[in-house]
Every structure is written in structure tokens, then in C-alpha cells.
Amino acid sequence: MSSCKGVSQNIGLYTPITIPEKPWSDVSMEFVLGLPKIVKGYDSIFVLVDRFFKMAHFIQCKKILDAKHVVKLFLKRL
């Protein structure tokens, strides 16, 4: 019995990540959900990462937020 394994190679060039030129021009957003509720009813964390400053912002929020409230949370951090 012989076993064949495929050989994969990483061929080709990698694309470099662009460097942001100003604050808040390259931002990622994530939500951490399903946390235990605290006194004010918050059960989630809205995470904003600004690549220019290499800084993360952690904003407590409620899971039931709609897009309007997410935009308000985002604009408060600008």
C-alpha cells in the first residue's frame, strides 16, 4: 500500500498591507457577544481597532443595538 500526499506550494507574490495615512482611515469593527450582564444591562463589547494609531477601543453595549446605535457609538470615539 502506498499513500500519496499532495504537495502544495505557496507560489506567487504576497500583496503588502497598505499603511494608513491618517487616523480613522482604516478601521475594523467586531462585537464580543454573550457576556454576563452587568448592573446597567450591558452584555456585549463593541471593539474598534484603528490601524493608524495601532489602538483598540472597547465600548460596552447591549446586544439589541441596531445600526443607528452602532453608528452613534462609533462617532463618539472619533
N, C-alpha and C. Protein backbone atom coordinates (compact mmCIF):
# COMPACT_ATOMS: atom_id res chain seq x y z
N MET A 1 0.85 -1.18 0.00
CA MET A 1 0.00 0.00 0.00
C MET A 1 0.88 1.23 0.00
N SER A 2 0.54 2.12 -0.82
CA SER A 2 1.28 3.38 -0.83
C SER A 2 0.30 4.52 -0.59
N SER A 3 0.82 5.53 0.03
CA SER A 3 -0.04 6.67 0.31
C SER A 3 0.50 7.88 -0.43
N CYS A 4 -0.39 8.60 -1.05
CA CYS A 4 0.01 9.80 -1.81
C CYS A 4 -0.49 11.03 -1.08
N LYS A 5 0.41 11.94 -0.89
CA LYS A 5 0.02 13.21 -0.29
C LYS A 5 0.31 14.30 -1.31
N GLY A 6 -0.63 15.18 -1.46
CA GLY A 6 -0.44 16.29 -2.37
C GLY A 6 0.59 17.25 -1.82
N VAL A 7 1.32 17.86 -2.69
CA VAL A 7 2.32 18.85 -2.31
C VAL A 7 1.78 20.21 -2.70
N SER A 8 1.60 21.06 -1.71
CA SER A 8 1.12 22.41 -2.03
C SER A 8 2.26 23.40 -1.81
N GLN A 9 2.36 24.32 -2.70
CA GLN A 9 3.39 25.34 -2.60
C GLN A 9 2.74 26.70 -2.61
N ASN A 10 3.32 27.59 -1.88
CA ASN A 10 2.87 28.98 -1.89
C ASN A 10 3.62 29.69 -3.02
N ILE A 11 3.02 29.70 -4.18
CA ILE A 11 3.70 30.37 -5.28
C ILE A 11 2.99 31.68 -5.57
N GLY A 12 3.73 32.64 -5.98
CA GLY A 12 3.18 33.96 -6.25
C GLY A 12 3.61 34.94 -5.19
N LEU A 13 3.34 36.19 -5.43
CA LEU A 13 3.76 37.25 -4.52
C LEU A 13 2.64 37.60 -3.56
N TYR A 14 3.03 37.94 -2.36
CA TYR A 14 2.06 38.42 -1.38
C TYR A 14 1.81 39.90 -1.62
N THR A 15 0.60 40.33 -1.37
CA THR A 15 0.26 41.74 -1.50
C THR A 15 0.49 42.42 -0.16
N PRO A 16 1.34 43.45 -0.13
CA PRO A 16 1.60 44.12 1.15
C PRO A 16 0.37 44.88 1.64
N ILE A 17 0.26 44.97 2.96
CA ILE A 17 -0.85 45.72 3.56
C ILE A 17 -0.54 47.20 3.43
N THR A 18 -1.53 47.96 3.00
CA THR A 18 -1.31 49.41 2.86
C THR A 18 -1.17 50.05 4.24
N ILE A 19 -0.40 51.10 4.30
CA ILE A 19 -0.18 51.83 5.54
C ILE A 19 -1.15 53.01 5.56
N PRO A 20 -1.99 53.11 6.61
CA PRO A 20 -2.94 54.22 6.67
C PRO A 20 -2.19 55.56 6.78
N GLU A 21 -2.76 56.58 6.14
CA GLU A 21 -2.11 57.89 6.12
C GLU A 21 -2.66 58.85 7.16
N LYS A 22 -3.85 58.55 7.71
CA LYS A 22 -4.42 59.44 8.72
C LYS A 22 -5.26 58.60 9.69
N PRO A 23 -5.52 59.16 10.87
CA PRO A 23 -6.32 58.42 11.86
C PRO A 23 -7.72 58.12 11.34
N TRP A 24 -8.25 57.00 11.73
CA TRP A 24 -9.60 56.55 11.42
C TRP A 24 -9.85 56.33 9.93
N SER A 25 -8.79 56.19 9.13
CA SER A 25 -8.98 55.91 7.71
C SER A 25 -9.02 54.40 7.45
N ASP A 26 -8.49 53.61 8.37
CA ASP A 26 -8.53 52.15 8.24
C ASP A 26 -8.92 51.57 9.60
N VAL A 27 -10.19 51.21 9.72
CA VAL A 27 -10.76 50.79 11.00
C VAL A 27 -11.42 49.43 10.83
N SER A 28 -11.25 48.58 11.83
CA SER A 28 -12.01 47.32 11.84
C SER A 28 -12.94 47.34 13.04
N MET A 29 -14.09 46.66 12.90
CA MET A 29 -15.09 46.62 13.97
C MET A 29 -15.49 45.17 14.21
N GLU A 30 -15.62 44.82 15.47
CA GLU A 30 -16.06 43.49 15.87
C GLU A 30 -16.96 43.62 17.08
N PHE A 31 -17.77 42.60 17.31
CA PHE A 31 -18.60 42.54 18.51
C PHE A 31 -18.26 41.28 19.29
N VAL A 32 -18.14 41.42 20.61
CA VAL A 32 -18.00 40.28 21.51
C VAL A 32 -19.35 40.15 22.19
N LEU A 33 -20.05 39.06 21.90
CA LEU A 33 -21.42 38.89 22.38
C LEU A 33 -21.51 37.76 23.41
N GLY A 34 -22.63 37.72 24.12
CA GLY A 34 -22.91 36.63 25.03
C GLY A 34 -22.21 36.72 26.37
N LEU A 35 -21.83 37.91 26.78
CA LEU A 35 -21.19 38.09 28.08
C LEU A 35 -22.26 38.18 29.17
N PRO A 36 -21.90 37.92 30.42
CA PRO A 36 -22.87 38.09 31.50
C PRO A 36 -23.26 39.56 31.64
N LYS A 37 -24.54 39.81 31.93
CA LYS A 37 -25.00 41.20 32.07
C LYS A 37 -24.40 41.83 33.32
N ILE A 38 -24.08 43.13 33.20
CA ILE A 38 -23.62 43.88 34.36
C ILE A 38 -24.75 44.76 34.85
N VAL A 39 -24.51 45.58 35.84
CA VAL A 39 -25.55 46.37 36.50
C VAL A 39 -26.39 47.19 35.53
N LYS A 40 -25.78 47.85 34.56
CA LYS A 40 -26.53 48.71 33.64
C LYS A 40 -27.13 47.94 32.46
N GLY A 41 -27.02 46.62 32.46
CA GLY A 41 -27.63 45.81 31.41
C GLY A 41 -26.74 45.55 30.21
N TYR A 42 -25.50 46.00 30.23
CA TYR A 42 -24.60 45.76 29.11
C TYR A 42 -24.20 44.29 29.10
N ASP A 43 -24.23 43.69 27.90
CA ASP A 43 -23.86 42.28 27.78
C ASP A 43 -22.95 42.01 26.58
N SER A 44 -22.45 43.07 25.96
CA SER A 44 -21.60 42.93 24.78
C SER A 44 -20.52 43.99 24.78
N ILE A 45 -19.52 43.78 23.94
CA ILE A 45 -18.45 44.76 23.78
C ILE A 45 -18.29 45.03 22.29
N PHE A 46 -18.27 46.30 21.93
CA PHE A 46 -18.04 46.76 20.56
C PHE A 46 -16.56 47.12 20.48
N VAL A 47 -15.82 46.42 19.63
CA VAL A 47 -14.37 46.62 19.54
C VAL A 47 -14.04 47.36 18.25
N LEU A 48 -13.38 48.49 18.38
CA LEU A 48 -12.90 49.27 17.24
C LEU A 48 -11.37 49.25 17.25
N VAL A 49 -10.77 48.97 16.10
CA VAL A 49 -9.32 48.98 16.00
C VAL A 49 -8.93 49.98 14.92
N ASP A 50 -8.13 50.97 15.30
CA ASP A 50 -7.60 51.97 14.37
C ASP A 50 -6.17 51.57 14.02
N ARG A 51 -5.93 51.19 12.77
CA ARG A 51 -4.60 50.73 12.38
C ARG A 51 -3.57 51.85 12.37
N PHE A 52 -3.98 53.10 12.19
CA PHE A 52 -3.03 54.22 12.16
C PHE A 52 -2.33 54.36 13.50
N PHE A 53 -3.10 54.38 14.59
CA PHE A 53 -2.54 54.51 15.93
C PHE A 53 -2.21 53.16 16.57
N LYS A 54 -2.60 52.07 15.89
CA LYS A 54 -2.43 50.72 16.45
C LYS A 54 -3.07 50.66 17.83
N MET A 55 -4.31 51.11 17.88
CA MET A 55 -5.03 51.22 19.14
C MET A 55 -6.40 50.57 19.03
N ALA A 56 -6.80 49.89 20.09
CA ALA A 56 -8.13 49.27 20.14
C ALA A 56 -8.98 50.02 21.16
N HIS A 57 -10.25 50.20 20.84
CA HIS A 57 -11.21 50.83 21.73
C HIS A 57 -12.27 49.78 22.07
N PHE A 58 -12.55 49.61 23.34
CA PHE A 58 -13.53 48.63 23.79
C PHE A 58 -14.71 49.39 24.40
N ILE A 59 -15.89 49.26 23.77
CA ILE A 59 -17.06 50.03 24.17
C ILE A 59 -18.14 49.06 24.64
N GLN A 60 -18.58 49.23 25.88
CA GLN A 60 -19.65 48.36 26.39
C GLN A 60 -20.96 48.73 25.71
N CYS A 61 -21.75 47.73 25.40
CA CYS A 61 -23.04 47.98 24.74
C CYS A 61 -23.98 46.82 25.02
N LYS A 62 -25.18 46.93 24.48
CA LYS A 62 -26.20 45.88 24.63
C LYS A 62 -26.34 45.15 23.31
N LYS A 63 -26.62 43.88 23.38
CA LYS A 63 -26.72 43.05 22.18
C LYS A 63 -27.85 43.49 21.25
N ILE A 64 -28.86 44.14 21.76
CA ILE A 64 -30.03 44.50 20.95
C ILE A 64 -29.85 45.79 20.15
N LEU A 65 -28.64 46.31 20.08
CA LEU A 65 -28.40 47.55 19.34
C LEU A 65 -28.70 47.35 17.85
N ASP A 66 -29.25 48.40 17.24
CA ASP A 66 -29.43 48.38 15.80
C ASP A 66 -28.32 49.22 15.16
N ALA A 67 -28.33 49.33 13.85
CA ALA A 67 -27.27 50.03 13.12
C ALA A 67 -27.15 51.49 13.54
N LYS A 68 -28.27 52.15 13.83
CA LYS A 68 -28.25 53.55 14.25
C LYS A 68 -27.43 53.74 15.52
N HIS A 69 -27.63 52.85 16.49
CA HIS A 69 -26.91 52.95 17.76
C HIS A 69 -25.43 52.63 17.58
N VAL A 70 -25.12 51.69 16.68
CA VAL A 70 -23.71 51.36 16.42
C VAL A 70 -23.00 52.56 15.82
N VAL A 71 -23.65 53.25 14.90
CA VAL A 71 -23.05 54.46 14.30
C VAL A 71 -22.82 55.52 15.36
N LYS A 72 -23.78 55.70 16.27
CA LYS A 72 -23.60 56.67 17.36
C LYS A 72 -22.42 56.32 18.24
N LEU A 73 -22.27 55.05 18.59
CA LEU A 73 -21.12 54.61 19.39
C LEU A 73 -19.81 54.88 18.65
N PHE A 74 -19.81 54.60 17.36
CA PHE A 74 -18.61 54.82 16.55
C PHE A 74 -18.25 56.30 16.49
N LEU A 75 -19.23 57.15 16.24
CA LEU A 75 -18.96 58.59 16.10
C LEU A 75 -18.52 59.23 17.43
N LYS A 76 -18.94 58.66 18.55
CA LYS A 76 -18.49 59.18 19.84
C LYS A 76 -16.98 59.02 20.01
N ARG A 77 -16.40 58.01 19.37
CA ARG A 77 -14.96 57.70 19.52
C ARG A 77 -14.09 58.47 18.56
N LEU A 78 -14.67 59.17 17.57
CA LEU A 78 -13.84 59.92 16.60
C LEU A 78 -13.22 61.13 17.22
